[in-house]
């Protein structure tokens, strides 16, 4: 497992000396974070058909075969590289199960490290409003869903994605900036702007904004 005081070169040396062992340790350390990412990004049509744990296992095996690629070009932190591998695996799973349908309804983000499909406003709203499931909340959920969808559609793609990275994937501002290949200050500004745009709606959803 990585030590917070270990620098990048020391980590790379450990990885070169024991790639399988270090990968196993790091993957175990980050497994909960990666599971949360897969659980959010998995197409809702595949719920009950595809298990997040199976996707993580497939991604782990893929990462094991690609360690040399990372060692030859460690351009990102190891966690962001693992997230990239998981994202590529998830795209493959979507294509295997949904084929052309997946490509029709989701635009893949173009930047080389943002390998996940772009988050849709329907997907975000569905997760945000998922806890409003009682009959008494049905009218509120319908109203908020329409408002959220409209507000999310008013955001540009990067602002919508920064919201997903920070809120749903729970990435730090630095990690989100690394994923989007933008400056940390820019990532922070975009996140604040997205939250501000949605705040009047989000405050009405229990547990979202205290």
N, C-alpha and C. Protein backbone atom coordinates (compact mmCIF):
# COMPACT_ATOMS: atom_id res chain seq x y z
N UNK A 1 0.84 -1.18 0.00
CA UNK A 1 0.00 0.00 0.00
C UNK A 1 0.89 1.24 0.00
N UNK A 2 0.48 2.28 -0.72
CA UNK A 2 1.30 3.48 -0.82
C UNK A 2 1.41 4.17 0.53
N UNK A 3 2.59 4.68 0.82
CA UNK A 3 2.81 5.50 2.00
C UNK A 3 2.66 6.95 1.59
N UNK A 4 1.97 7.75 2.41
CA UNK A 4 1.72 9.13 2.02
C UNK A 4 3.01 9.94 1.87
N UNK A 5 4.11 9.46 2.49
CA UNK A 5 5.38 10.17 2.39
C UNK A 5 6.24 9.63 1.24
N UNK A 6 5.80 8.61 0.58
CA UNK A 6 6.57 8.01 -0.51
C UNK A 6 6.45 8.88 -1.75
N UNK A 7 7.58 9.20 -2.38
CA UNK A 7 7.50 10.02 -3.58
C UNK A 7 7.28 9.14 -4.80
N UNK A 8 7.04 9.77 -5.94
CA UNK A 8 6.66 9.04 -7.15
C UNK A 8 7.76 8.08 -7.59
N UNK A 9 9.01 8.51 -7.49
CA UNK A 9 10.12 7.66 -7.94
C UNK A 9 10.26 6.43 -7.07
N UNK A 10 10.09 6.59 -5.76
CA UNK A 10 10.15 5.45 -4.85
C UNK A 10 9.03 4.45 -5.15
N UNK A 11 7.85 4.98 -5.45
CA UNK A 11 6.74 4.10 -5.80
C UNK A 11 7.03 3.34 -7.08
N UNK A 12 7.56 4.03 -8.08
CA UNK A 12 7.87 3.37 -9.35
C UNK A 12 8.93 2.30 -9.16
N UNK A 13 9.90 2.55 -8.30
CA UNK A 13 10.94 1.54 -8.02
C UNK A 13 10.31 0.30 -7.40
N UNK A 14 9.40 0.49 -6.45
CA UNK A 14 8.72 -0.66 -5.84
C UNK A 14 7.91 -1.41 -6.88
N UNK A 15 7.26 -0.67 -7.76
CA UNK A 15 6.42 -1.28 -8.79
C UNK A 15 7.27 -2.09 -9.77
N UNK A 16 8.45 -1.58 -10.10
CA UNK A 16 9.35 -2.32 -11.00
C UNK A 16 9.84 -3.62 -10.34
N UNK A 17 10.12 -3.54 -9.05
CA UNK A 17 10.67 -4.70 -8.34
C UNK A 17 9.63 -5.78 -8.07
N UNK A 18 8.39 -5.38 -7.86
CA UNK A 18 7.34 -6.35 -7.51
C UNK A 18 6.00 -5.90 -8.10
N UNK A 19 5.88 -5.93 -9.44
CA UNK A 19 4.66 -5.40 -10.06
C UNK A 19 3.38 -6.09 -9.61
N UNK A 20 3.41 -7.42 -9.48
CA UNK A 20 2.19 -8.13 -9.09
C UNK A 20 1.78 -7.81 -7.66
N UNK A 21 2.77 -7.79 -6.77
CA UNK A 21 2.48 -7.52 -5.36
C UNK A 21 2.00 -6.10 -5.13
N UNK A 22 2.67 -5.14 -5.76
CA UNK A 22 2.28 -3.74 -5.59
C UNK A 22 0.91 -3.49 -6.20
N UNK A 23 0.64 -4.07 -7.37
CA UNK A 23 -0.68 -3.91 -7.98
C UNK A 23 -1.76 -4.47 -7.07
N UNK A 24 -1.52 -5.64 -6.51
CA UNK A 24 -2.51 -6.24 -5.62
C UNK A 24 -2.79 -5.35 -4.41
N UNK A 25 -1.73 -4.79 -3.84
CA UNK A 25 -1.89 -3.91 -2.67
C UNK A 25 -2.65 -2.63 -3.04
N UNK A 26 -2.25 -2.02 -4.15
CA UNK A 26 -2.88 -0.76 -4.55
C UNK A 26 -4.34 -0.97 -4.94
N UNK A 27 -4.60 -2.06 -5.64
CA UNK A 27 -5.98 -2.33 -6.08
C UNK A 27 -6.87 -2.58 -4.88
N UNK A 28 -6.33 -3.27 -3.88
CA UNK A 28 -7.09 -3.50 -2.65
C UNK A 28 -7.37 -2.19 -1.94
N UNK A 29 -6.37 -1.32 -1.92
CA UNK A 29 -6.52 -0.02 -1.26
C UNK A 29 -7.61 0.82 -1.92
N UNK A 30 -7.65 0.78 -3.26
CA UNK A 30 -8.55 1.65 -3.99
C UNK A 30 -9.86 0.96 -4.41
N UNK A 31 -10.03 -0.28 -4.01
CA UNK A 31 -11.18 -1.05 -4.52
C UNK A 31 -12.51 -0.38 -4.23
N UNK A 32 -12.71 0.14 -3.03
CA UNK A 32 -13.99 0.77 -2.70
C UNK A 32 -14.25 1.99 -3.57
N UNK A 33 -13.21 2.77 -3.82
CA UNK A 33 -13.37 3.94 -4.68
C UNK A 33 -13.70 3.53 -6.11
N UNK A 34 -13.02 2.52 -6.59
CA UNK A 34 -13.27 2.05 -7.96
C UNK A 34 -14.65 1.44 -8.08
N UNK A 35 -15.10 0.72 -7.04
CA UNK A 35 -16.43 0.13 -7.05
C UNK A 35 -17.49 1.22 -7.13
N UNK A 36 -17.29 2.30 -6.37
CA UNK A 36 -18.24 3.40 -6.39
C UNK A 36 -18.34 4.02 -7.78
N UNK A 37 -17.21 4.14 -8.44
CA UNK A 37 -17.18 4.70 -9.79
C UNK A 37 -17.96 3.80 -10.75
N UNK A 38 -17.68 2.50 -10.71
CA UNK A 38 -18.37 1.56 -11.59
C UNK A 38 -19.86 1.56 -11.31
N UNK A 39 -20.23 1.56 -10.04
CA UNK A 39 -21.64 1.51 -9.68
C UNK A 39 -22.40 2.71 -10.23
N UNK A 40 -21.75 3.88 -10.24
CA UNK A 40 -22.42 5.06 -10.80
C UNK A 40 -22.45 5.02 -12.32
N UNK A 41 -21.33 4.63 -12.93
CA UNK A 41 -21.21 4.71 -14.38
C UNK A 41 -21.91 3.57 -15.12
N UNK A 42 -22.21 2.48 -14.43
CA UNK A 42 -22.83 1.34 -15.09
C UNK A 42 -24.21 1.72 -15.63
N UNK A 43 -24.45 1.43 -16.88
CA UNK A 43 -25.74 1.73 -17.49
C UNK A 43 -26.86 1.05 -16.72
N UNK A 44 -27.90 1.82 -16.37
CA UNK A 44 -28.97 1.29 -15.53
C UNK A 44 -29.68 0.10 -16.17
N UNK A 45 -29.62 -0.01 -17.49
CA UNK A 45 -30.25 -1.15 -18.16
C UNK A 45 -29.54 -2.47 -17.86
N UNK A 46 -28.32 -2.38 -17.32
CA UNK A 46 -27.56 -3.59 -17.04
C UNK A 46 -27.62 -4.01 -15.57
N UNK A 47 -28.35 -3.24 -14.76
CA UNK A 47 -28.50 -3.61 -13.36
C UNK A 47 -29.17 -4.97 -13.25
N UNK A 48 -28.60 -5.84 -12.45
CA UNK A 48 -29.14 -7.18 -12.32
C UNK A 48 -28.56 -8.16 -13.33
N UNK A 49 -27.93 -7.63 -14.39
CA UNK A 49 -27.31 -8.47 -15.41
C UNK A 49 -25.79 -8.47 -15.30
N UNK A 50 -25.25 -7.35 -14.84
CA UNK A 50 -23.79 -7.19 -14.73
C UNK A 50 -23.46 -6.75 -13.32
N UNK A 51 -22.48 -7.36 -12.72
CA UNK A 51 -22.10 -7.05 -11.35
C UNK A 51 -20.84 -6.20 -11.33
N UNK A 52 -20.83 -5.14 -10.50
CA UNK A 52 -19.68 -4.25 -10.41
C UNK A 52 -18.42 -5.01 -10.00
N UNK A 53 -18.56 -5.99 -9.13
CA UNK A 53 -17.39 -6.76 -8.68
C UNK A 53 -16.76 -7.53 -9.84
N UNK A 54 -17.60 -8.04 -10.74
CA UNK A 54 -17.07 -8.77 -11.89
C UNK A 54 -16.31 -7.83 -12.82
N UNK A 55 -16.82 -6.60 -12.97
CA UNK A 55 -16.13 -5.61 -13.81
C UNK A 55 -14.78 -5.26 -13.19
N UNK A 56 -14.74 -5.11 -11.87
CA UNK A 56 -13.47 -4.81 -11.21
C UNK A 56 -12.48 -5.95 -11.34
N UNK A 57 -12.96 -7.19 -11.29
CA UNK A 57 -12.07 -8.33 -11.45
C UNK A 57 -11.49 -8.37 -12.87
N UNK A 58 -12.33 -8.11 -13.85
CA UNK A 58 -11.86 -8.07 -15.24
C UNK A 58 -10.85 -6.95 -15.43
N UNK A 59 -11.11 -5.80 -14.81
CA UNK A 59 -10.20 -4.66 -14.93
C UNK A 59 -8.86 -4.97 -14.25
N UNK A 60 -8.91 -5.67 -13.13
CA UNK A 60 -7.68 -6.04 -12.42
C UNK A 60 -6.79 -6.92 -13.30
N UNK A 61 -7.39 -7.90 -13.94
CA UNK A 61 -6.62 -8.79 -14.82
C UNK A 61 -6.02 -8.01 -15.99
N UNK A 62 -6.78 -7.04 -16.49
CA UNK A 62 -6.29 -6.21 -17.59
C UNK A 62 -5.13 -5.34 -17.11
N UNK A 63 -5.27 -4.77 -15.91
CA UNK A 63 -4.20 -3.94 -15.36
C UNK A 63 -2.91 -4.75 -15.18
N UNK A 64 -3.06 -6.00 -14.78
CA UNK A 64 -1.89 -6.85 -14.55
C UNK A 64 -1.10 -7.07 -15.84
N UNK A 65 -1.79 -7.08 -16.97
CA UNK A 65 -1.09 -7.28 -18.25
C UNK A 65 -0.53 -5.97 -18.81
N UNK A 66 -0.88 -4.84 -18.18
CA UNK A 66 -0.48 -3.55 -18.73
C UNK A 66 0.42 -2.74 -17.81
N UNK A 67 0.93 -3.38 -16.77
CA UNK A 67 1.80 -2.68 -15.84
C UNK A 67 3.00 -2.05 -16.54
N UNK A 68 3.56 -2.79 -17.50
CA UNK A 68 4.73 -2.26 -18.22
C UNK A 68 4.39 -0.97 -18.96
N UNK A 69 3.15 -0.87 -19.46
CA UNK A 69 2.74 0.35 -20.15
C UNK A 69 2.80 1.54 -19.19
N UNK A 70 2.34 1.31 -17.96
CA UNK A 70 2.38 2.39 -16.98
C UNK A 70 3.82 2.75 -16.62
N UNK A 71 4.65 1.73 -16.41
CA UNK A 71 6.04 1.98 -16.05
C UNK A 71 6.79 2.73 -17.15
N UNK A 72 6.43 2.47 -18.40
CA UNK A 72 7.07 3.14 -19.52
C UNK A 72 6.60 4.58 -19.69
N UNK A 73 5.40 4.88 -19.16
CA UNK A 73 4.85 6.22 -19.31
C UNK A 73 3.95 6.56 -18.12
N UNK A 74 4.56 6.78 -16.94
CA UNK A 74 3.76 7.07 -15.74
C UNK A 74 3.30 8.53 -15.71
N UNK A 75 2.45 8.88 -16.66
CA UNK A 75 2.06 10.29 -16.82
C UNK A 75 1.00 10.72 -15.81
N UNK A 76 0.37 9.76 -15.14
CA UNK A 76 -0.65 10.09 -14.15
C UNK A 76 -0.31 9.39 -12.83
N UNK A 77 -1.04 9.74 -11.79
CA UNK A 77 -0.93 8.98 -10.56
C UNK A 77 -1.43 7.56 -10.81
N UNK A 78 -1.02 6.63 -9.95
CA UNK A 78 -1.39 5.23 -10.17
C UNK A 78 -2.90 5.04 -10.04
N UNK A 79 -3.52 5.76 -9.12
CA UNK A 79 -4.97 5.65 -8.97
C UNK A 79 -5.69 6.09 -10.24
N UNK A 80 -5.27 7.20 -10.81
CA UNK A 80 -5.92 7.68 -12.04
C UNK A 80 -5.68 6.69 -13.17
N UNK A 81 -4.51 6.06 -13.20
CA UNK A 81 -4.27 5.02 -14.22
C UNK A 81 -5.21 3.84 -14.02
N UNK A 82 -5.37 3.40 -12.76
CA UNK A 82 -6.30 2.30 -12.48
C UNK A 82 -7.73 2.69 -12.88
N UNK A 83 -8.11 3.92 -12.59
CA UNK A 83 -9.43 4.40 -12.97
C UNK A 83 -9.60 4.34 -14.49
N UNK A 84 -8.54 4.67 -15.22
CA UNK A 84 -8.58 4.61 -16.68
C UNK A 84 -8.80 3.17 -17.16
N UNK A 85 -8.07 2.23 -16.58
CA UNK A 85 -8.22 0.82 -16.95
C UNK A 85 -9.64 0.35 -16.64
N UNK A 86 -10.16 0.70 -15.48
CA UNK A 86 -11.53 0.33 -15.12
C UNK A 86 -12.52 0.95 -16.10
N UNK A 87 -12.28 2.20 -16.48
CA UNK A 87 -13.17 2.85 -17.44
C UNK A 87 -13.18 2.17 -18.79
N UNK A 88 -12.01 1.75 -19.26
CA UNK A 88 -11.94 1.05 -20.54
C UNK A 88 -12.65 -0.30 -20.46
N UNK A 89 -12.50 -0.97 -19.33
CA UNK A 89 -13.20 -2.23 -19.12
C UNK A 89 -14.71 -2.02 -19.13
N UNK A 90 -15.16 -0.96 -18.47
CA UNK A 90 -16.59 -0.67 -18.40
C UNK A 90 -17.17 -0.37 -19.79
N UNK A 91 -16.42 0.36 -20.59
CA UNK A 91 -16.86 0.63 -21.96
C UNK A 91 -16.98 -0.67 -22.75
N UNK A 92 -16.00 -1.58 -22.58
CA UNK A 92 -16.06 -2.88 -23.26
C UNK A 92 -17.28 -3.67 -22.82
N UNK A 93 -17.59 -3.64 -21.52
CA UNK A 93 -18.76 -4.36 -21.01
C UNK A 93 -20.04 -3.78 -21.60
N UNK A 94 -20.13 -2.46 -21.64
CA UNK A 94 -21.30 -1.82 -22.24
C UNK A 94 -21.47 -2.23 -23.70
N UNK A 95 -20.38 -2.26 -24.42
CA UNK A 95 -20.47 -2.61 -25.85
C UNK A 95 -20.84 -4.08 -26.04
N UNK A 96 -20.33 -4.93 -25.17
CA UNK A 96 -20.67 -6.35 -25.29
C UNK A 96 -22.16 -6.58 -25.06
N UNK A 97 -22.73 -5.85 -24.11
CA UNK A 97 -24.13 -6.08 -23.74
C UNK A 97 -25.11 -5.20 -24.51
N UNK A 98 -24.67 -3.99 -24.87
CA UNK A 98 -25.61 -3.06 -25.50
C UNK A 98 -25.24 -2.72 -26.94
N UNK A 99 -24.03 -3.02 -27.33
CA UNK A 99 -23.61 -2.81 -28.71
C UNK A 99 -23.80 -1.38 -29.17
N UNK A 100 -24.37 -1.23 -30.35
CA UNK A 100 -24.54 0.10 -30.95
C UNK A 100 -25.46 0.97 -30.13
N UNK A 101 -26.38 0.36 -29.36
CA UNK A 101 -27.29 1.15 -28.53
C UNK A 101 -26.50 2.08 -27.60
N UNK A 102 -25.42 1.53 -27.04
CA UNK A 102 -24.63 2.31 -26.10
C UNK A 102 -24.01 3.51 -26.78
N UNK A 103 -23.50 3.30 -27.98
CA UNK A 103 -22.85 4.39 -28.67
C UNK A 103 -23.85 5.44 -29.11
N UNK A 104 -25.09 5.02 -29.33
CA UNK A 104 -26.12 5.98 -29.73
C UNK A 104 -26.52 6.91 -28.59
N UNK A 105 -26.60 6.38 -27.37
CA UNK A 105 -27.15 7.18 -26.28
C UNK A 105 -26.09 7.85 -25.42
N UNK A 106 -24.83 7.49 -25.58
CA UNK A 106 -23.76 8.12 -24.81
C UNK A 106 -22.63 8.53 -25.73
N UNK A 107 -22.19 9.76 -25.59
CA UNK A 107 -21.03 10.19 -26.36
C UNK A 107 -19.78 9.93 -25.53
N UNK A 108 -18.83 9.23 -26.09
CA UNK A 108 -17.60 9.00 -25.34
C UNK A 108 -16.79 10.28 -25.33
N UNK A 109 -16.26 10.60 -24.17
CA UNK A 109 -15.50 11.82 -24.04
C UNK A 109 -14.20 11.68 -24.82
N UNK A 110 -13.76 12.77 -25.43
CA UNK A 110 -12.67 12.68 -26.40
C UNK A 110 -11.28 12.68 -25.77
N UNK A 111 -11.09 13.37 -24.66
CA UNK A 111 -9.75 13.44 -24.08
C UNK A 111 -9.22 12.05 -23.77
N UNK A 112 -7.93 11.84 -23.95
CA UNK A 112 -7.37 10.49 -23.93
C UNK A 112 -7.54 9.78 -22.60
N UNK A 113 -7.59 10.52 -21.49
CA UNK A 113 -7.71 9.86 -20.20
C UNK A 113 -9.14 9.80 -19.71
N UNK A 114 -10.03 10.56 -20.31
CA UNK A 114 -11.43 10.52 -19.87
C UNK A 114 -12.14 9.43 -20.65
N UNK A 115 -11.90 8.20 -20.25
CA UNK A 115 -12.34 7.07 -21.06
C UNK A 115 -13.78 6.66 -20.79
N UNK A 116 -14.40 7.25 -19.77
CA UNK A 116 -15.78 6.91 -19.50
C UNK A 116 -16.69 7.61 -20.49
N UNK A 117 -17.88 7.04 -20.68
CA UNK A 117 -18.87 7.73 -21.47
C UNK A 117 -19.30 8.99 -20.74
N UNK A 118 -19.62 10.02 -21.49
CA UNK A 118 -20.05 11.27 -20.87
C UNK A 118 -21.32 11.05 -20.06
N UNK A 119 -21.35 11.63 -18.89
CA UNK A 119 -22.51 11.46 -18.01
C UNK A 119 -23.70 12.23 -18.57
N UNK A 120 -24.84 11.60 -18.61
CA UNK A 120 -26.03 12.27 -19.10
C UNK A 120 -26.80 12.89 -17.94
N UNK A 121 -27.59 13.91 -18.25
CA UNK A 121 -28.37 14.57 -17.21
C UNK A 121 -29.40 13.61 -16.63
N UNK A 122 -29.94 12.70 -17.45
CA UNK A 122 -30.90 11.73 -16.94
C UNK A 122 -30.24 10.81 -15.92
N UNK A 123 -29.02 10.37 -16.20
CA UNK A 123 -28.29 9.47 -15.30
C UNK A 123 -28.02 10.15 -13.97
N UNK A 124 -27.57 11.39 -14.01
CA UNK A 124 -27.26 12.12 -12.79
C UNK A 124 -28.53 12.35 -11.97
N UNK A 125 -29.58 12.79 -12.64
CA UNK A 125 -30.84 13.05 -11.93
C UNK A 125 -31.40 11.78 -11.32
N UNK A 126 -31.28 10.67 -12.04
CA UNK A 126 -31.80 9.40 -11.55
C UNK A 126 -31.12 8.99 -10.25
N UNK A 127 -29.81 9.16 -10.18
CA UNK A 127 -29.07 8.80 -8.98
C UNK A 127 -29.36 9.77 -7.84
N UNK A 128 -29.39 11.06 -8.15
CA UNK A 128 -29.65 12.06 -7.11
C UNK A 128 -31.03 11.87 -6.47
N UNK A 129 -32.00 11.46 -7.28
CA UNK A 129 -33.37 11.36 -6.79
C UNK A 129 -33.76 9.94 -6.41
N UNK A 130 -32.78 9.05 -6.41
CA UNK A 130 -33.08 7.64 -6.16
C UNK A 130 -33.72 7.36 -4.83
N UNK A 131 -33.41 8.17 -3.81
CA UNK A 131 -33.95 7.92 -2.47
C UNK A 131 -35.39 8.41 -2.31
N UNK A 132 -35.86 9.18 -3.28
CA UNK A 132 -37.25 9.66 -3.21
C UNK A 132 -38.15 8.60 -3.83
N UNK A 133 -38.42 7.56 -3.06
CA UNK A 133 -39.10 6.39 -3.64
C UNK A 133 -40.48 6.13 -3.06
N UNK A 134 -40.87 6.85 -2.02
CA UNK A 134 -42.18 6.59 -1.43
C UNK A 134 -43.28 7.23 -2.26
N UNK A 135 -44.50 6.70 -2.19
CA UNK A 135 -45.63 7.29 -2.94
C UNK A 135 -45.83 8.76 -2.62
N UNK A 136 -45.61 9.15 -1.37
CA UNK A 136 -45.82 10.55 -0.99
C UNK A 136 -44.78 11.48 -1.62
N UNK A 137 -43.65 10.92 -2.05
CA UNK A 137 -42.59 11.73 -2.66
C UNK A 137 -42.65 11.72 -4.18
N UNK A 138 -43.60 10.99 -4.73
CA UNK A 138 -43.65 10.81 -6.19
C UNK A 138 -43.79 12.14 -6.92
N UNK A 139 -44.69 13.01 -6.44
CA UNK A 139 -44.91 14.29 -7.11
C UNK A 139 -43.66 15.17 -7.03
N UNK A 140 -43.02 15.17 -5.84
CA UNK A 140 -41.79 15.96 -5.67
C UNK A 140 -40.70 15.43 -6.59
N UNK A 141 -40.58 14.12 -6.67
CA UNK A 141 -39.54 13.51 -7.51
C UNK A 141 -39.75 13.89 -8.98
N UNK A 142 -40.98 13.85 -9.43
CA UNK A 142 -41.27 14.20 -10.83
C UNK A 142 -40.93 15.66 -11.10
N UNK A 143 -41.29 16.53 -10.16
CA UNK A 143 -41.01 17.96 -10.32
C UNK A 143 -39.52 18.23 -10.33
N UNK A 144 -38.80 17.65 -9.35
CA UNK A 144 -37.37 17.87 -9.25
C UNK A 144 -36.62 17.25 -10.43
N UNK A 145 -37.10 16.12 -10.92
CA UNK A 145 -36.46 15.46 -12.05
C UNK A 145 -36.47 16.37 -13.27
N UNK A 146 -37.60 16.99 -13.54
CA UNK A 146 -37.70 17.89 -14.68
C UNK A 146 -36.79 19.10 -14.50
N UNK A 147 -36.76 19.65 -13.28
CA UNK A 147 -35.93 20.82 -13.02
C UNK A 147 -34.44 20.48 -13.09
N UNK A 148 -34.09 19.32 -12.54
CA UNK A 148 -32.69 18.89 -12.58
C UNK A 148 -32.22 18.65 -14.00
N UNK A 149 -33.03 17.96 -14.76
CA UNK A 149 -32.66 17.67 -16.14
C UNK A 149 -32.43 18.97 -16.91
N UNK A 150 -33.32 19.94 -16.75
CA UNK A 150 -33.17 21.21 -17.44
C UNK A 150 -31.90 21.94 -17.00
N UNK A 151 -31.66 21.94 -15.68
CA UNK A 151 -30.48 22.63 -15.15
C UNK A 151 -29.18 21.95 -15.59
N UNK A 152 -29.18 20.63 -15.56
CA UNK A 152 -27.97 19.88 -15.96
C UNK A 152 -27.69 20.06 -17.44
N UNK A 153 -28.74 20.11 -18.24
CA UNK A 153 -28.56 20.31 -19.68
C UNK A 153 -28.01 21.70 -19.98
N UNK A 154 -28.22 22.64 -19.05
CA UNK A 154 -27.71 24.00 -19.27
C UNK A 154 -26.21 24.09 -19.00
N UNK A 155 -25.65 23.07 -18.32
CA UNK A 155 -24.22 23.03 -18.08
C UNK A 155 -23.50 22.51 -19.31
N UNK A 156 -22.27 22.99 -19.54
CA UNK A 156 -21.51 22.37 -20.62
C UNK A 156 -20.96 21.04 -20.14
N UNK A 157 -20.42 20.25 -21.05
CA UNK A 157 -20.03 18.88 -20.74
C UNK A 157 -18.99 18.79 -19.62
N UNK A 158 -18.00 19.68 -19.64
CA UNK A 158 -16.95 19.61 -18.62
C UNK A 158 -17.50 19.99 -17.25
N UNK A 159 -18.37 21.00 -17.18
CA UNK A 159 -18.96 21.37 -15.90
C UNK A 159 -19.82 20.23 -15.35
N UNK A 160 -20.54 19.56 -16.22
CA UNK A 160 -21.35 18.43 -15.78
C UNK A 160 -20.44 17.29 -15.30
N UNK A 161 -19.35 17.09 -16.00
CA UNK A 161 -18.44 16.01 -15.65
C UNK A 161 -17.70 16.30 -14.34
N UNK A 162 -17.32 17.55 -14.11
CA UNK A 162 -16.63 17.88 -12.86
C UNK A 162 -17.55 17.64 -11.68
N UNK A 163 -18.84 17.86 -11.87
CA UNK A 163 -19.82 17.58 -10.82
C UNK A 163 -19.85 16.08 -10.51
N UNK A 164 -19.82 15.27 -11.54
CA UNK A 164 -19.81 13.81 -11.37
C UNK A 164 -18.53 13.35 -10.68
N UNK A 165 -17.40 13.85 -11.14
CA UNK A 165 -16.12 13.43 -10.58
C UNK A 165 -16.01 13.78 -9.10
N UNK A 166 -16.44 14.97 -8.74
CA UNK A 166 -16.31 15.41 -7.36
C UNK A 166 -17.40 14.83 -6.47
N UNK A 167 -18.65 14.82 -6.95
CA UNK A 167 -19.76 14.43 -6.09
C UNK A 167 -20.00 12.92 -6.07
N UNK A 168 -20.02 12.29 -7.22
CA UNK A 168 -20.36 10.87 -7.29
C UNK A 168 -19.12 9.97 -7.18
N UNK A 169 -18.05 10.31 -7.90
CA UNK A 169 -16.83 9.51 -7.79
C UNK A 169 -16.02 9.89 -6.55
N UNK A 170 -16.34 11.02 -5.97
CA UNK A 170 -15.66 11.52 -4.76
C UNK A 170 -14.16 11.68 -4.96
N UNK A 171 -13.78 12.16 -6.14
CA UNK A 171 -12.38 12.48 -6.40
C UNK A 171 -12.04 13.82 -5.74
N UNK A 172 -10.79 13.98 -5.40
CA UNK A 172 -10.33 15.28 -4.90
C UNK A 172 -10.30 16.25 -6.07
N UNK A 173 -10.15 17.53 -5.74
CA UNK A 173 -10.06 18.53 -6.81
C UNK A 173 -8.85 18.27 -7.69
N UNK A 174 -7.71 17.88 -7.08
CA UNK A 174 -6.50 17.60 -7.85
C UNK A 174 -6.71 16.40 -8.77
N UNK A 175 -7.38 15.35 -8.27
CA UNK A 175 -7.62 14.17 -9.08
C UNK A 175 -8.56 14.49 -10.24
N UNK A 176 -9.61 15.28 -9.96
CA UNK A 176 -10.54 15.65 -11.02
C UNK A 176 -9.83 16.47 -12.09
N UNK A 177 -8.97 17.37 -11.67
CA UNK A 177 -8.20 18.16 -12.62
C UNK A 177 -7.30 17.28 -13.48
N UNK A 178 -6.71 16.26 -12.86
CA UNK A 178 -5.83 15.33 -13.58
C UNK A 178 -6.63 14.55 -14.62
N UNK A 179 -7.82 14.08 -14.23
CA UNK A 179 -8.66 13.34 -15.16
C UNK A 179 -9.05 14.20 -16.37
N UNK A 180 -9.44 15.44 -16.09
CA UNK A 180 -9.94 16.32 -17.15
C UNK A 180 -8.83 17.05 -17.88
N UNK A 181 -7.60 16.89 -17.36
CA UNK A 181 -6.43 17.53 -17.96
C UNK A 181 -6.60 19.05 -18.00
N UNK A 182 -7.00 19.60 -16.85
CA UNK A 182 -7.13 21.04 -16.69
C UNK A 182 -6.41 21.44 -15.42
N UNK A 183 -6.21 22.73 -15.24
CA UNK A 183 -5.55 23.22 -14.03
C UNK A 183 -6.45 23.02 -12.81
N UNK A 184 -5.82 22.81 -11.66
CA UNK A 184 -6.57 22.60 -10.43
C UNK A 184 -7.49 23.78 -10.13
N UNK A 185 -6.99 24.99 -10.34
CA UNK A 185 -7.80 26.20 -10.10
C UNK A 185 -9.02 26.21 -11.01
N UNK A 186 -8.83 25.80 -12.25
CA UNK A 186 -9.95 25.76 -13.20
C UNK A 186 -10.98 24.71 -12.79
N UNK A 187 -10.49 23.56 -12.32
CA UNK A 187 -11.40 22.50 -11.87
C UNK A 187 -12.24 22.98 -10.69
N UNK A 188 -11.60 23.65 -9.75
CA UNK A 188 -12.30 24.17 -8.58
C UNK A 188 -13.36 25.19 -8.98
N UNK A 189 -13.00 26.07 -9.91
CA UNK A 189 -13.94 27.09 -10.37
C UNK A 189 -15.14 26.47 -11.08
N UNK A 190 -14.88 25.48 -11.90
CA UNK A 190 -15.97 24.83 -12.64
C UNK A 190 -16.90 24.08 -11.69
N UNK A 191 -16.34 23.43 -10.68
CA UNK A 191 -17.17 22.70 -9.72
C UNK A 191 -18.06 23.66 -8.94
N UNK A 192 -17.49 24.76 -8.49
CA UNK A 192 -18.27 25.76 -7.76
C UNK A 192 -19.37 26.32 -8.66
N UNK A 193 -19.05 26.57 -9.91
CA UNK A 193 -20.03 27.12 -10.84
C UNK A 193 -21.18 26.14 -11.07
N UNK A 194 -20.84 24.86 -11.22
CA UNK A 194 -21.88 23.84 -11.44
C UNK A 194 -22.78 23.71 -10.22
N UNK A 195 -22.18 23.68 -9.03
CA UNK A 195 -22.97 23.58 -7.80
C UNK A 195 -23.88 24.79 -7.62
N UNK A 196 -23.35 25.97 -7.94
CA UNK A 196 -24.14 27.19 -7.80
C UNK A 196 -25.36 27.16 -8.71
N UNK A 197 -25.15 26.66 -9.93
CA UNK A 197 -26.25 26.57 -10.90
C UNK A 197 -27.35 25.63 -10.41
N UNK A 198 -26.96 24.58 -9.70
CA UNK A 198 -27.91 23.56 -9.30
C UNK A 198 -28.39 23.69 -7.85
N UNK A 199 -27.80 24.60 -7.10
CA UNK A 199 -28.03 24.62 -5.65
C UNK A 199 -29.50 24.76 -5.27
N UNK A 200 -30.23 25.61 -5.95
CA UNK A 200 -31.63 25.85 -5.58
C UNK A 200 -32.47 24.59 -5.70
N UNK A 201 -32.02 23.66 -6.55
CA UNK A 201 -32.73 22.38 -6.70
C UNK A 201 -32.18 21.36 -5.72
N UNK A 202 -30.86 21.32 -5.58
CA UNK A 202 -30.22 20.32 -4.73
C UNK A 202 -30.61 20.46 -3.26
N UNK A 203 -30.86 21.69 -2.79
CA UNK A 203 -31.21 21.87 -1.38
C UNK A 203 -32.56 21.24 -1.04
N UNK A 204 -33.35 20.93 -2.06
CA UNK A 204 -34.66 20.32 -1.81
C UNK A 204 -34.60 18.80 -1.78
N UNK A 205 -33.42 18.24 -2.08
CA UNK A 205 -33.24 16.79 -2.08
C UNK A 205 -32.61 16.39 -0.75
N UNK A 206 -33.26 15.58 0.06
CA UNK A 206 -32.74 15.20 1.37
C UNK A 206 -31.33 14.61 1.29
N UNK A 207 -30.42 15.15 2.13
CA UNK A 207 -29.10 14.55 2.26
C UNK A 207 -28.08 14.99 1.24
N UNK A 208 -28.45 15.82 0.26
CA UNK A 208 -27.49 16.22 -0.77
C UNK A 208 -26.64 17.39 -0.30
N UNK A 209 -27.28 18.46 0.16
CA UNK A 209 -26.57 19.62 0.69
C UNK A 209 -27.09 19.91 2.07
N UNK A 210 -26.20 19.85 3.05
CA UNK A 210 -26.62 20.08 4.44
C UNK A 210 -26.71 21.58 4.71
